[in-house]
């Protein structure tokens, strides 16, 4: 549940991307991209609550190839079911945005082979692709 404070997304790429929490060694710090007040976010549609999960929808698309972090502004931005404050999220929620995969997967191998003749009803068919795929209903 919402407590009090802000959920923040920062761009770690301007400084040292591997030091996403900021570091004394960094000469250029992380850049705040968006801050959402958890008390008023529901009306704006930026945060969605579902049981013990919070979905954060950034206002703008995140740039591919950059490293980002999600943080809270302090302790108690979120609270548990009993109303007790959850810890300050300062690290551990870093991620990199990758460009969209625009090339479709290639079929490398089909078993049995398409020219192998008839197969028994109920026989397994195995397809090998150039990248991982998933079934789409």
N, C-alpha and C. Protein backbone atom coordinates (compact mmCIF):
# COMPACT_ATOMS: atom_id res chain seq x y z
N UNK A 1 0.84 -1.19 0.00
CA UNK A 1 0.00 0.00 0.00
C UNK A 1 0.87 1.23 0.00
N UNK A 2 0.27 2.32 -0.41
CA UNK A 2 0.99 3.59 -0.43
C UNK A 2 1.18 4.11 0.98
N UNK A 3 2.37 4.60 1.23
CA UNK A 3 2.67 5.29 2.48
C UNK A 3 2.74 6.77 2.19
N UNK A 4 3.92 7.35 2.38
CA UNK A 4 4.13 8.77 2.07
C UNK A 4 5.51 8.93 1.47
N UNK A 5 5.58 9.67 0.38
CA UNK A 5 6.87 9.92 -0.27
C UNK A 5 6.78 9.69 -1.76
N UNK A 6 7.95 9.51 -2.37
CA UNK A 6 8.02 9.40 -3.83
C UNK A 6 8.71 8.12 -4.26
N UNK A 7 8.24 7.58 -5.40
CA UNK A 7 8.94 6.53 -6.11
C UNK A 7 9.67 7.23 -7.24
N UNK A 8 10.96 6.97 -7.38
CA UNK A 8 11.79 7.71 -8.34
C UNK A 8 12.45 6.75 -9.33
N UNK A 9 12.59 7.22 -10.56
CA UNK A 9 13.38 6.49 -11.55
C UNK A 9 14.51 7.42 -11.97
N UNK A 10 15.73 6.88 -11.93
CA UNK A 10 16.90 7.68 -12.28
C UNK A 10 17.67 7.01 -13.41
N UNK A 11 18.31 7.84 -14.22
CA UNK A 11 19.18 7.38 -15.30
C UNK A 11 20.59 7.36 -14.75
N UNK A 12 21.19 6.18 -14.70
CA UNK A 12 22.54 6.02 -14.15
C UNK A 12 23.62 6.19 -15.21
N UNK A 13 23.24 6.26 -16.47
CA UNK A 13 24.21 6.25 -17.56
C UNK A 13 25.14 7.46 -17.64
N UNK A 14 24.72 8.68 -17.26
CA UNK A 14 25.65 9.81 -17.39
C UNK A 14 26.92 9.65 -16.56
N UNK A 15 26.82 9.01 -15.41
CA UNK A 15 27.99 8.82 -14.56
C UNK A 15 28.63 7.47 -14.83
N UNK A 16 28.76 6.68 -13.80
CA UNK A 16 29.32 5.33 -13.91
C UNK A 16 28.14 4.36 -13.83
N UNK A 17 27.68 3.79 -14.97
CA UNK A 17 26.51 2.93 -14.96
C UNK A 17 26.61 1.76 -13.98
N UNK A 18 27.82 1.28 -13.73
CA UNK A 18 27.96 0.17 -12.79
C UNK A 18 27.89 0.64 -11.34
N UNK A 19 27.85 1.95 -11.11
CA UNK A 19 27.71 2.52 -9.76
C UNK A 19 26.37 3.25 -9.72
N UNK A 20 25.31 2.53 -9.98
CA UNK A 20 23.99 3.11 -10.17
C UNK A 20 23.44 3.82 -8.93
N UNK A 21 24.00 3.61 -7.80
CA UNK A 21 23.53 4.25 -6.59
C UNK A 21 24.26 5.55 -6.31
N UNK A 22 25.11 5.94 -7.21
CA UNK A 22 25.95 7.09 -6.93
C UNK A 22 27.20 6.58 -6.23
N UNK A 23 28.27 7.26 -6.41
CA UNK A 23 29.54 6.84 -5.84
C UNK A 23 30.42 8.06 -5.69
N UNK A 24 31.27 8.06 -4.72
CA UNK A 24 32.20 9.18 -4.55
C UNK A 24 33.15 9.28 -5.73
N UNK A 25 33.35 8.15 -6.43
CA UNK A 25 34.25 8.14 -7.59
C UNK A 25 33.60 8.77 -8.82
N UNK A 26 32.27 8.90 -8.80
CA UNK A 26 31.58 9.47 -9.96
C UNK A 26 31.80 10.97 -10.03
N UNK A 27 32.10 11.45 -11.22
CA UNK A 27 32.20 12.89 -11.42
C UNK A 27 30.88 13.45 -11.94
N UNK A 28 30.06 12.59 -12.55
CA UNK A 28 28.73 12.97 -13.02
C UNK A 28 27.73 12.04 -12.34
N UNK A 29 26.78 12.62 -11.63
CA UNK A 29 25.84 11.80 -10.87
C UNK A 29 24.69 11.27 -11.70
N UNK A 30 23.87 10.44 -11.07
CA UNK A 30 22.67 9.91 -11.69
C UNK A 30 21.68 11.06 -11.92
N UNK A 31 20.81 10.90 -12.92
CA UNK A 31 19.86 11.95 -13.28
C UNK A 31 18.44 11.49 -12.98
N UNK A 32 17.71 12.26 -12.18
CA UNK A 32 16.32 11.95 -11.88
C UNK A 32 15.48 12.12 -13.14
N UNK A 33 14.79 11.05 -13.56
CA UNK A 33 13.95 11.08 -14.76
C UNK A 33 12.51 11.39 -14.39
N UNK A 34 12.02 10.75 -13.32
CA UNK A 34 10.64 10.94 -12.91
C UNK A 34 10.50 10.64 -11.43
N UNK A 35 9.69 11.41 -10.75
CA UNK A 35 9.36 11.18 -9.35
C UNK A 35 7.84 11.18 -9.23
N UNK A 36 7.29 10.15 -8.59
CA UNK A 36 5.84 10.01 -8.47
C UNK A 36 5.48 10.01 -6.99
N UNK A 37 4.62 10.94 -6.59
CA UNK A 37 4.11 10.98 -5.22
C UNK A 37 3.13 9.81 -5.07
N UNK A 38 3.43 8.87 -4.19
CA UNK A 38 2.60 7.66 -4.08
C UNK A 38 1.20 7.95 -3.56
N UNK A 39 1.00 9.10 -2.90
CA UNK A 39 -0.33 9.45 -2.41
C UNK A 39 -1.25 9.93 -3.53
N UNK A 40 -0.69 10.52 -4.58
CA UNK A 40 -1.53 11.07 -5.65
C UNK A 40 -1.36 10.32 -6.97
N UNK A 41 -0.57 9.27 -6.98
CA UNK A 41 -0.25 8.58 -8.23
C UNK A 41 -1.44 7.85 -8.83
N UNK A 42 -2.36 7.34 -8.02
CA UNK A 42 -3.48 6.57 -8.56
C UNK A 42 -4.30 7.34 -9.57
N UNK A 43 -4.54 8.61 -9.29
CA UNK A 43 -5.31 9.44 -10.22
C UNK A 43 -4.55 9.66 -11.51
N UNK A 44 -3.23 9.75 -11.43
CA UNK A 44 -2.42 9.98 -12.62
C UNK A 44 -2.20 8.70 -13.41
N UNK A 45 -2.49 7.54 -12.81
CA UNK A 45 -2.33 6.27 -13.51
C UNK A 45 -0.90 5.82 -13.65
N UNK A 46 0.02 6.33 -12.83
CA UNK A 46 1.43 5.95 -12.96
C UNK A 46 1.79 4.75 -12.09
N UNK A 47 1.07 4.52 -11.02
CA UNK A 47 1.29 3.38 -10.13
C UNK A 47 0.01 2.57 -10.05
N UNK A 48 0.18 1.25 -10.12
CA UNK A 48 -0.95 0.36 -10.00
C UNK A 48 -0.62 -0.65 -8.91
N UNK A 49 -1.54 -0.85 -7.98
CA UNK A 49 -1.33 -1.75 -6.87
C UNK A 49 -2.13 -3.03 -7.09
N UNK A 50 -1.49 -4.18 -6.82
CA UNK A 50 -2.15 -5.47 -6.95
C UNK A 50 -1.60 -6.37 -5.86
N UNK A 51 -2.28 -6.41 -4.73
CA UNK A 51 -1.80 -7.22 -3.61
C UNK A 51 -0.47 -6.71 -3.11
N UNK A 52 0.55 -7.58 -3.17
CA UNK A 52 1.88 -7.19 -2.69
C UNK A 52 2.75 -6.62 -3.81
N UNK A 53 2.16 -6.33 -4.97
CA UNK A 53 2.94 -5.83 -6.12
C UNK A 53 2.55 -4.40 -6.46
N UNK A 54 3.54 -3.65 -6.96
CA UNK A 54 3.31 -2.30 -7.46
C UNK A 54 3.86 -2.24 -8.87
N UNK A 55 3.04 -1.82 -9.83
CA UNK A 55 3.47 -1.64 -11.21
C UNK A 55 3.69 -0.15 -11.42
N UNK A 56 4.88 0.21 -11.87
CA UNK A 56 5.25 1.60 -12.13
C UNK A 56 5.32 1.80 -13.63
N UNK A 57 4.50 2.68 -14.17
CA UNK A 57 4.49 2.98 -15.61
C UNK A 57 5.12 4.35 -15.82
N UNK A 58 6.37 4.40 -16.31
CA UNK A 58 7.02 5.70 -16.52
C UNK A 58 6.22 6.57 -17.50
N UNK A 59 6.29 7.88 -17.30
CA UNK A 59 5.55 8.82 -18.14
C UNK A 59 6.08 8.85 -19.56
N UNK A 60 7.36 8.57 -19.75
CA UNK A 60 7.97 8.59 -21.08
C UNK A 60 8.72 7.28 -21.31
N UNK A 61 8.93 6.95 -22.57
CA UNK A 61 9.70 5.76 -22.90
C UNK A 61 11.13 5.90 -22.39
N UNK A 62 11.68 4.81 -21.91
CA UNK A 62 13.07 4.81 -21.46
C UNK A 62 13.96 4.50 -22.65
N UNK A 63 15.10 5.14 -22.72
CA UNK A 63 15.99 5.02 -23.88
C UNK A 63 16.75 3.69 -23.87
N UNK A 64 16.79 2.99 -25.01
CA UNK A 64 17.56 1.76 -25.11
C UNK A 64 19.05 2.03 -24.87
N UNK A 65 19.72 1.04 -24.27
CA UNK A 65 21.15 1.14 -24.04
C UNK A 65 21.53 1.90 -22.79
N UNK A 66 20.57 2.34 -22.03
CA UNK A 66 20.87 3.11 -20.81
C UNK A 66 20.51 2.28 -19.58
N UNK A 67 21.19 2.57 -18.49
CA UNK A 67 20.97 1.88 -17.22
C UNK A 67 20.14 2.78 -16.31
N UNK A 68 19.11 2.20 -15.70
CA UNK A 68 18.20 2.94 -14.84
C UNK A 68 18.12 2.28 -13.47
N UNK A 69 17.61 3.02 -12.50
CA UNK A 69 17.36 2.48 -11.17
C UNK A 69 16.03 3.01 -10.67
N UNK A 70 15.34 2.20 -9.87
CA UNK A 70 14.11 2.61 -9.21
C UNK A 70 14.44 2.71 -7.73
N UNK A 71 14.05 3.82 -7.12
CA UNK A 71 14.34 4.08 -5.70
C UNK A 71 13.11 4.69 -5.04
N UNK A 72 13.13 4.74 -3.72
CA UNK A 72 12.12 5.51 -2.99
C UNK A 72 12.82 6.68 -2.32
N UNK A 73 12.03 7.71 -1.98
CA UNK A 73 12.60 8.92 -1.39
C UNK A 73 12.96 8.74 0.08
N UNK A 74 12.57 7.65 0.68
CA UNK A 74 12.90 7.38 2.08
C UNK A 74 12.14 6.17 2.59
N UNK A 75 12.24 5.93 3.87
CA UNK A 75 11.51 4.83 4.51
C UNK A 75 10.02 5.16 4.53
N UNK A 76 9.18 4.15 4.38
CA UNK A 76 7.74 4.33 4.52
C UNK A 76 7.02 4.83 3.28
N UNK A 77 7.69 4.86 2.13
CA UNK A 77 6.98 5.23 0.90
C UNK A 77 5.89 4.19 0.65
N UNK A 78 6.19 2.94 0.98
CA UNK A 78 5.20 1.87 0.94
C UNK A 78 5.09 1.30 2.34
N UNK A 79 3.91 0.80 2.68
CA UNK A 79 3.68 0.19 3.99
C UNK A 79 3.09 -1.20 3.79
N UNK A 80 3.28 -2.06 4.80
CA UNK A 80 2.71 -3.40 4.71
C UNK A 80 1.24 -3.39 5.12
N UNK A 81 0.61 -4.57 5.15
CA UNK A 81 -0.82 -4.67 5.44
C UNK A 81 -1.16 -4.14 6.83
N UNK A 82 -0.20 -4.18 7.76
CA UNK A 82 -0.43 -3.68 9.11
C UNK A 82 -0.14 -2.19 9.22
N UNK A 83 0.27 -1.56 8.12
CA UNK A 83 0.58 -0.13 8.14
C UNK A 83 1.99 0.20 8.57
N UNK A 84 2.84 -0.83 8.73
CA UNK A 84 4.23 -0.59 9.12
C UNK A 84 5.05 -0.18 7.91
N UNK A 85 5.95 0.80 8.08
CA UNK A 85 6.73 1.30 6.94
C UNK A 85 7.71 0.27 6.41
N UNK A 86 7.80 0.18 5.09
CA UNK A 86 8.80 -0.67 4.45
C UNK A 86 10.10 0.11 4.32
N UNK A 87 11.23 -0.60 4.23
CA UNK A 87 12.54 0.08 4.19
C UNK A 87 12.70 1.00 2.98
N UNK A 88 13.64 1.89 3.12
CA UNK A 88 14.04 2.80 2.05
C UNK A 88 14.71 1.99 0.95
N UNK A 89 14.22 2.08 -0.28
CA UNK A 89 14.82 1.37 -1.41
C UNK A 89 15.88 2.28 -2.02
N UNK A 90 17.14 1.98 -1.75
CA UNK A 90 18.23 2.80 -2.25
C UNK A 90 19.02 2.09 -3.34
N UNK A 91 18.93 0.76 -3.39
CA UNK A 91 19.71 0.00 -4.36
C UNK A 91 19.04 -1.34 -4.61
N UNK A 92 19.56 -2.04 -5.62
CA UNK A 92 19.07 -3.38 -5.91
C UNK A 92 18.01 -3.44 -6.98
N UNK A 93 17.54 -2.30 -7.46
CA UNK A 93 16.50 -2.29 -8.49
C UNK A 93 17.01 -1.59 -9.74
N UNK A 94 18.17 -2.05 -10.23
CA UNK A 94 18.75 -1.47 -11.43
C UNK A 94 18.44 -2.36 -12.63
N UNK A 95 18.31 -1.73 -13.80
CA UNK A 95 18.04 -2.49 -15.02
C UNK A 95 18.53 -1.71 -16.22
N UNK A 96 18.78 -2.43 -17.32
CA UNK A 96 19.19 -1.83 -18.58
C UNK A 96 18.09 -2.07 -19.60
N UNK A 97 17.78 -1.06 -20.39
CA UNK A 97 16.76 -1.18 -21.43
C UNK A 97 17.46 -1.59 -22.72
N UNK A 98 16.97 -2.66 -23.33
CA UNK A 98 17.54 -3.15 -24.58
C UNK A 98 16.64 -2.76 -25.74
N UNK A 99 17.22 -2.54 -26.93
CA UNK A 99 16.40 -2.20 -28.09
C UNK A 99 15.43 -3.33 -28.42
N UNK A 100 14.31 -2.97 -29.03
CA UNK A 100 13.33 -3.97 -29.44
C UNK A 100 13.95 -4.91 -30.47
N UNK A 101 13.59 -6.18 -30.38
CA UNK A 101 14.07 -7.19 -31.34
C UNK A 101 13.18 -7.10 -32.58
N UNK A 102 13.71 -6.55 -33.64
CA UNK A 102 12.92 -6.34 -34.86
C UNK A 102 13.08 -7.47 -35.88
N UNK A 103 14.03 -8.36 -35.67
CA UNK A 103 14.24 -9.47 -36.61
C UNK A 103 13.48 -10.70 -36.11
N UNK A 104 12.65 -11.30 -36.94
CA UNK A 104 11.92 -12.49 -36.50
C UNK A 104 12.88 -13.67 -36.34
N UNK A 105 12.52 -14.63 -35.49
CA UNK A 105 13.37 -15.81 -35.35
C UNK A 105 13.38 -16.63 -36.64
N UNK A 106 14.49 -17.30 -36.88
CA UNK A 106 14.62 -18.17 -38.05
C UNK A 106 14.44 -19.62 -37.63
N UNK A 107 13.76 -20.41 -38.44
CA UNK A 107 13.61 -21.84 -38.17
C UNK A 107 14.87 -22.54 -38.68
N UNK A 108 15.66 -23.10 -37.75
CA UNK A 108 16.91 -23.76 -38.12
C UNK A 108 16.71 -25.23 -38.46
N UNK A 109 15.83 -25.89 -37.70
CA UNK A 109 15.68 -27.33 -37.88
C UNK A 109 14.28 -27.75 -37.45
N UNK A 110 13.67 -28.64 -38.23
CA UNK A 110 12.38 -29.22 -37.88
C UNK A 110 12.55 -30.73 -37.82
N UNK A 111 12.04 -31.35 -36.75
CA UNK A 111 12.11 -32.80 -36.60
C UNK A 111 10.70 -33.35 -36.40
N UNK A 112 10.23 -34.24 -37.20
CA UNK A 112 10.89 -34.83 -38.36
C UNK A 112 11.01 -33.79 -39.48
N UNK A 113 11.93 -34.04 -40.38
CA UNK A 113 12.19 -33.13 -41.50
C UNK A 113 10.94 -33.02 -42.37
N UNK A 114 10.70 -31.84 -42.96
CA UNK A 114 9.50 -31.65 -43.79
C UNK A 114 9.39 -32.65 -44.94
N UNK A 115 10.52 -33.13 -45.47
CA UNK A 115 10.48 -34.06 -46.60
C UNK A 115 10.64 -35.52 -46.17
N UNK A 116 10.45 -35.82 -44.89
CA UNK A 116 10.65 -37.18 -44.37
C UNK A 116 9.46 -38.10 -44.64
N UNK A 117 8.40 -37.58 -45.18
CA UNK A 117 7.23 -38.41 -45.43
C UNK A 117 6.25 -38.33 -44.28
N UNK A 118 5.19 -39.14 -44.34
CA UNK A 118 4.16 -39.08 -43.31
C UNK A 118 4.69 -39.49 -41.94
N UNK A 119 4.14 -38.86 -40.92
CA UNK A 119 4.47 -39.21 -39.53
C UNK A 119 3.26 -39.85 -38.88
N UNK A 120 3.49 -40.61 -37.84
CA UNK A 120 2.39 -41.26 -37.12
C UNK A 120 1.53 -40.19 -36.44
N UNK A 121 0.21 -40.42 -36.39
CA UNK A 121 -0.64 -39.48 -35.67
C UNK A 121 -0.18 -39.36 -34.21
N UNK A 122 -0.14 -38.17 -33.70
CA UNK A 122 0.28 -37.95 -32.32
C UNK A 122 1.78 -37.91 -32.13
N UNK A 123 2.56 -38.05 -33.22
CA UNK A 123 4.03 -38.00 -33.10
C UNK A 123 4.47 -36.59 -32.71
N UNK A 124 5.55 -36.52 -31.95
CA UNK A 124 6.10 -35.23 -31.56
C UNK A 124 6.72 -34.52 -32.75
N UNK A 125 6.58 -33.22 -32.77
CA UNK A 125 7.24 -32.37 -33.75
C UNK A 125 8.10 -31.39 -32.96
N UNK A 126 9.38 -31.31 -33.28
CA UNK A 126 10.29 -30.41 -32.58
C UNK A 126 10.81 -29.37 -33.56
N UNK A 127 10.73 -28.11 -33.17
CA UNK A 127 11.22 -27.00 -34.00
C UNK A 127 12.36 -26.32 -33.26
N UNK A 128 13.46 -26.04 -33.95
CA UNK A 128 14.62 -25.35 -33.38
C UNK A 128 14.74 -23.98 -34.04
N UNK A 129 14.70 -22.92 -33.23
CA UNK A 129 14.76 -21.55 -33.74
C UNK A 129 16.10 -20.90 -33.42
N UNK A 130 16.37 -19.79 -34.08
CA UNK A 130 17.63 -19.06 -33.92
C UNK A 130 17.69 -18.28 -32.61
N UNK A 131 16.58 -18.17 -31.90
CA UNK A 131 16.53 -17.47 -30.62
C UNK A 131 15.37 -18.03 -29.82
N UNK A 132 15.33 -17.78 -28.51
CA UNK A 132 14.21 -18.27 -27.71
C UNK A 132 12.88 -17.70 -28.21
N UNK A 133 11.85 -18.53 -28.21
CA UNK A 133 10.51 -18.11 -28.61
C UNK A 133 9.52 -18.56 -27.54
N UNK A 134 8.33 -17.98 -27.59
CA UNK A 134 7.28 -18.41 -26.67
C UNK A 134 5.98 -18.50 -27.43
N UNK A 135 5.09 -19.35 -26.96
CA UNK A 135 3.79 -19.52 -27.61
C UNK A 135 2.95 -18.27 -27.39
N UNK A 136 2.23 -17.87 -28.40
CA UNK A 136 1.31 -16.74 -28.30
C UNK A 136 -0.08 -17.26 -28.59
N UNK A 137 -0.99 -17.12 -27.62
CA UNK A 137 -2.35 -17.65 -27.83
C UNK A 137 -3.09 -16.92 -28.93
